[in-house]
Protein backbone atom coordinates (compact mmCIF):
# COMPACT_ATOMS: atom_id res chain seq x y z
CA GLY A 1 133.79 407.56 -26.09
CA VAL A 2 135.52 406.19 -29.17
CA VAL A 3 135.79 407.48 -32.68
CA CYS A 4 137.13 405.59 -34.90
CA CYS A 5 138.41 406.68 -38.53
CA GLY A 6 139.70 404.56 -40.74
CA CYS A 7 142.53 402.77 -39.02
CA ARG A 8 142.68 405.44 -36.57
CA ARG A 9 141.10 405.71 -33.11
CA THR A 10 140.65 408.21 -30.29
CA LEU A 11 139.69 407.25 -26.58
CA GLU A 12 138.34 409.73 -24.30
CA SER A 13 137.49 408.68 -20.94
CA ALA A 14 136.79 410.42 -17.72
CA LEU A 15 136.97 409.09 -14.42
CA CYS A 16 134.48 410.52 -11.67
CA ASP A 17 133.40 410.27 -8.33
CA GLY A 18 130.00 409.71 -7.72
CA ALA A 19 130.03 410.20 -4.12
CA LEU A 20 131.29 413.64 -4.75
CA VAL A 21 129.22 414.03 -8.25
CA GLY A 22 132.69 415.08 -9.84
CA ARG A 23 135.14 414.71 -12.28
CA ILE A 24 138.76 413.11 -10.80
CA PHE A 25 140.43 413.52 -14.28
CA GLY A 26 139.84 412.77 -18.11
CA LYS A 27 142.25 411.34 -20.66
CA ARG A 28 142.34 411.63 -24.46
CA TYR A 29 144.44 408.64 -26.64
CA SER A 30 144.94 408.22 -30.52
CA GLY A 31 146.66 405.75 -32.18
CA ALA A 32 146.08 402.96 -34.64
CA ALA A 33 142.62 401.03 -34.28
CA LYS A 34 144.79 397.70 -33.16
CA ASP A 35 145.91 399.86 -30.09
CA GLY A 36 142.55 399.94 -28.62
CA ARG A 37 143.75 397.91 -25.59
CA LYS A 38 147.05 399.60 -25.09
CA MET A 39 145.00 403.05 -24.90
CA SER A 40 142.56 401.53 -22.30
CA ASN A 41 145.36 399.88 -20.18
CA GLN A 42 146.88 403.69 -20.02
CA PHE A 43 143.67 404.77 -18.97
CA THR A 44 143.53 402.06 -16.46
CA ASN A 45 146.72 403.19 -15.01
CA ALA A 46 145.92 407.05 -14.98
CA GLY A 47 143.00 406.30 -13.13
CA LEU A 48 144.84 404.13 -10.41
CA GLU A 49 147.49 406.85 -10.08
CA ALA A 50 144.77 409.42 -9.32
CA ILE A 51 143.16 407.61 -6.96
CA THR A 52 146.36 405.48 -4.86
CA GLY A 53 149.45 407.97 -5.69
CA THR A 54 151.06 404.92 -7.66
CA PRO A 55 150.67 404.26 -11.50
CA GLY A 56 149.38 401.32 -12.62
CA VAL A 57 151.08 398.21 -14.28
CA PHE A 58 148.77 397.65 -17.26
CA GLY A 59 151.21 397.07 -20.17
CA SER A 60 154.27 395.96 -17.90
CA GLN A 61 156.04 393.22 -19.70
CA ILE A 62 156.25 389.41 -18.44
CA LEU A 63 158.67 387.28 -20.03
CA PHE A 64 158.22 383.36 -19.16
CA ALA A 65 158.97 380.11 -20.61
CA SER A 66 156.07 377.85 -22.69
CA GLY A 67 155.81 374.39 -24.52
CA SER A 68 156.71 370.97 -23.71
CA PRO A 69 159.65 370.37 -21.40
CA SER A 70 162.27 369.62 -24.18
CA GLN A 71 161.27 372.20 -26.22
CA LYS A 72 160.75 375.11 -24.18
CA VAL A 73 160.95 378.74 -25.57
CA ILE A 74 160.52 382.22 -24.01
CA MET A 75 157.87 384.22 -24.82
CA MET A 76 156.87 387.62 -23.97
CA THR A 77 153.57 389.63 -23.40
CA GLU A 78 151.98 392.48 -21.48
CA LEU A 79 149.56 392.50 -18.31
CA GLY A 80 146.45 393.28 -19.82
CA SER A 81 147.72 391.58 -23.37
CA ASP A 82 145.81 388.38 -24.82
CA GLU A 83 148.77 388.32 -27.24
CA ALA A 84 152.28 386.73 -26.31
CA VAL A 85 155.06 386.87 -28.67
CA LYS A 86 158.29 384.12 -29.12
CA ILE A 87 161.64 386.32 -28.34
CA ALA A 88 163.75 382.78 -28.44
CA GLY A 89 163.35 379.39 -29.28
CA HIS A 90 166.19 376.58 -29.84
CA LYS A 91 166.01 373.47 -31.74
CA ARG A 92 168.49 371.53 -29.52
CA GLY A 93 166.71 371.95 -25.79
CA PRO A 94 164.64 373.91 -24.02
CA SER A 95 165.00 377.72 -22.87
CA THR A 96 163.79 378.35 -19.61
CA GLN A 97 164.56 380.59 -16.23
CA PRO A 98 164.02 383.74 -18.20
CA THR A 99 164.35 387.14 -16.32
CA MET A 100 163.90 390.86 -17.30
CA GLY A 101 166.33 394.01 -16.42
CA PRO A 102 166.91 397.34 -16.59
CA GLY A 103 166.13 398.97 -20.18
CA GLY A 104 163.67 395.99 -20.96
CA ARG A 105 167.08 393.46 -21.14
CA THR A 106 166.64 389.93 -21.01
CA ALA A 107 168.43 386.39 -20.02
CA TRP A 108 167.65 383.26 -20.20
CA VAL A 109 169.29 379.77 -19.73
CA HIS A 110 169.47 377.04 -22.53
CA ARG A 111 170.32 373.29 -23.02
CA ASN A 112 171.91 373.23 -25.94
CA ASP A 113 172.70 369.47 -26.78
CA LYS A 114 174.60 368.33 -23.64
CA LYS A 115 175.95 371.76 -22.76
CA TRP A 116 174.20 374.35 -20.83
CA GLU A 117 174.31 378.00 -22.36
CA LEU A 118 173.61 381.55 -20.53
CA LEU A 119 172.05 383.84 -23.00
CA VAL A 120 171.52 387.66 -22.13
CA ASP A 121 169.86 389.90 -25.13
CA GLY A 122 169.74 386.64 -27.29
CA LYS A 123 173.30 386.07 -26.94
CA VAL A 124 175.67 383.53 -25.48
CA ILE A 125 177.75 385.23 -22.69
CA SER A 126 178.84 381.48 -21.14
CA SER A 127 178.47 377.86 -21.48
CA GLY A 128 179.26 374.37 -19.80
CA ASP A 129 178.14 373.94 -16.61
CA LEU A 130 174.52 373.65 -15.52
CA HIS A 131 173.59 377.77 -15.31
CA LEU A 132 170.85 378.39 -12.70
CA SER A 133 168.71 381.44 -12.12
CA PRO A 134 169.98 384.44 -13.82
CA ALA A 135 169.42 387.74 -11.98
CA PHE A 136 170.30 391.49 -13.57
CA MET A 137 172.28 393.64 -10.93
CA PRO A 138 170.88 396.98 -10.80
CA ASN A 139 174.05 398.30 -13.29
CA GLY A 140 172.74 395.65 -15.79
CA THR A 141 175.21 393.05 -15.16
CA VAL A 142 173.75 389.53 -15.03
CA ALA A 143 174.39 386.97 -12.05
CA ALA A 144 173.62 383.34 -11.95
CA ALA A 145 174.45 380.00 -10.45
CA MET A 146 176.82 377.66 -12.02
CA SER A 147 176.85 374.37 -11.08
CA GLY A 148 180.54 372.55 -10.64
CA PRO A 149 181.53 369.31 -8.96
CA GLN A 150 179.97 369.15 -5.35
CA LYS A 151 178.76 372.75 -5.35
CA THR A 152 176.90 375.48 -6.83
CA ALA A 153 178.33 378.86 -7.07
CA ILE A 154 177.33 382.37 -8.06
CA TYR A 155 178.99 384.74 -10.41
CA SER A 156 178.62 387.79 -12.33
CA PHE A 157 179.01 388.22 -16.19
CA SER A 158 180.53 391.01 -18.17
CA GLY A 159 180.76 390.06 -21.67
CA ARG A 160 182.21 386.79 -21.61
CA SER A 161 184.36 387.18 -18.29
CA LYS A 162 182.98 385.94 -14.95
CA ASN A 163 183.74 386.68 -11.46
CA MET A 164 182.92 384.48 -8.13
CA LEU A 165 179.99 386.13 -6.03
CA VAL A 166 179.43 383.53 -3.58
CA ASN A 167 181.29 380.12 -3.18
CA ALA A 168 179.79 379.17 0.32
CA GLY A 169 180.03 375.15 -0.42
CA GLY A 170 176.87 373.27 -1.38
CA ILE A 171 174.36 375.09 -3.27
CA ASN A 172 173.77 378.79 -3.82
CA VAL A 173 171.26 379.94 -6.21
CA SER A 174 168.49 382.46 -6.90
CA PRO A 175 170.59 385.47 -6.68
CA THR A 176 168.57 389.02 -6.06
CA PHE A 177 170.02 392.85 -5.62
CA SER A 178 169.02 395.55 -3.40
CA PRO A 179 167.93 398.84 -5.49
CA ASP A 180 171.23 399.85 -5.10
CA GLY A 181 173.36 396.62 -5.71
CA ALA A 182 175.13 396.87 -2.51
CA ARG A 183 173.67 393.59 -1.12
CA MET A 184 172.51 390.60 -2.57
CA ALA A 185 170.28 387.70 -1.31
CA TYR A 186 170.32 383.89 -1.92
CA ALA A 187 169.31 380.44 -1.18
CA SER A 188 171.96 378.67 0.53
CA ASP A 189 172.19 375.14 2.11
CA GLN A 190 175.47 375.90 3.33
CA GLY A 191 174.71 375.75 6.92
CA GLY A 192 172.52 371.90 6.37
CA VAL A 193 169.38 373.71 6.09
CA THR A 194 168.76 375.78 2.41
CA SER A 195 167.77 379.29 4.14
CA ILE A 196 168.06 382.96 2.96
CA TYR A 197 171.59 384.66 3.12
CA ILE A 198 172.36 387.97 3.07
């Protein structure tokens, strides 16, 4: 049931097994009236965990680019929400390729007139050549591909310094990391055909 009192709302729900005619669990959530959907998502997540042993994903943050090709902005929403919030928009070109990392950190690429920028948590950490496919390493460091003459290499960035991770010739993009950070997979045409390398 739902009880509203002024600007507060209490949601009390139960999950029952009809075949066994038993209650699996019950939960009560209280909060601002505007948080009704969030409370429903919390109950759904708890129900999924009670049934499967794995928490649900409602309320997970989703980062995406939206807008016209020349003026894309970075938006954020939650799974199960009907609202998105702009977290970045730049006047001199599009922002694209957003990604999220540990602790809700964000990274994306922005074209600032004719130069490219890699931003982490809204701050430029690298600029100049084309930056592609940023990804967070488990330790919070960001890696991204940078295009240069006749090749695209993958670098890790710490502050404004960079360290080359892959320079195999040709195009090397889309880094992704194992949970312990010991291995990296990436797409490359270093063998003549685009393949995944580790």
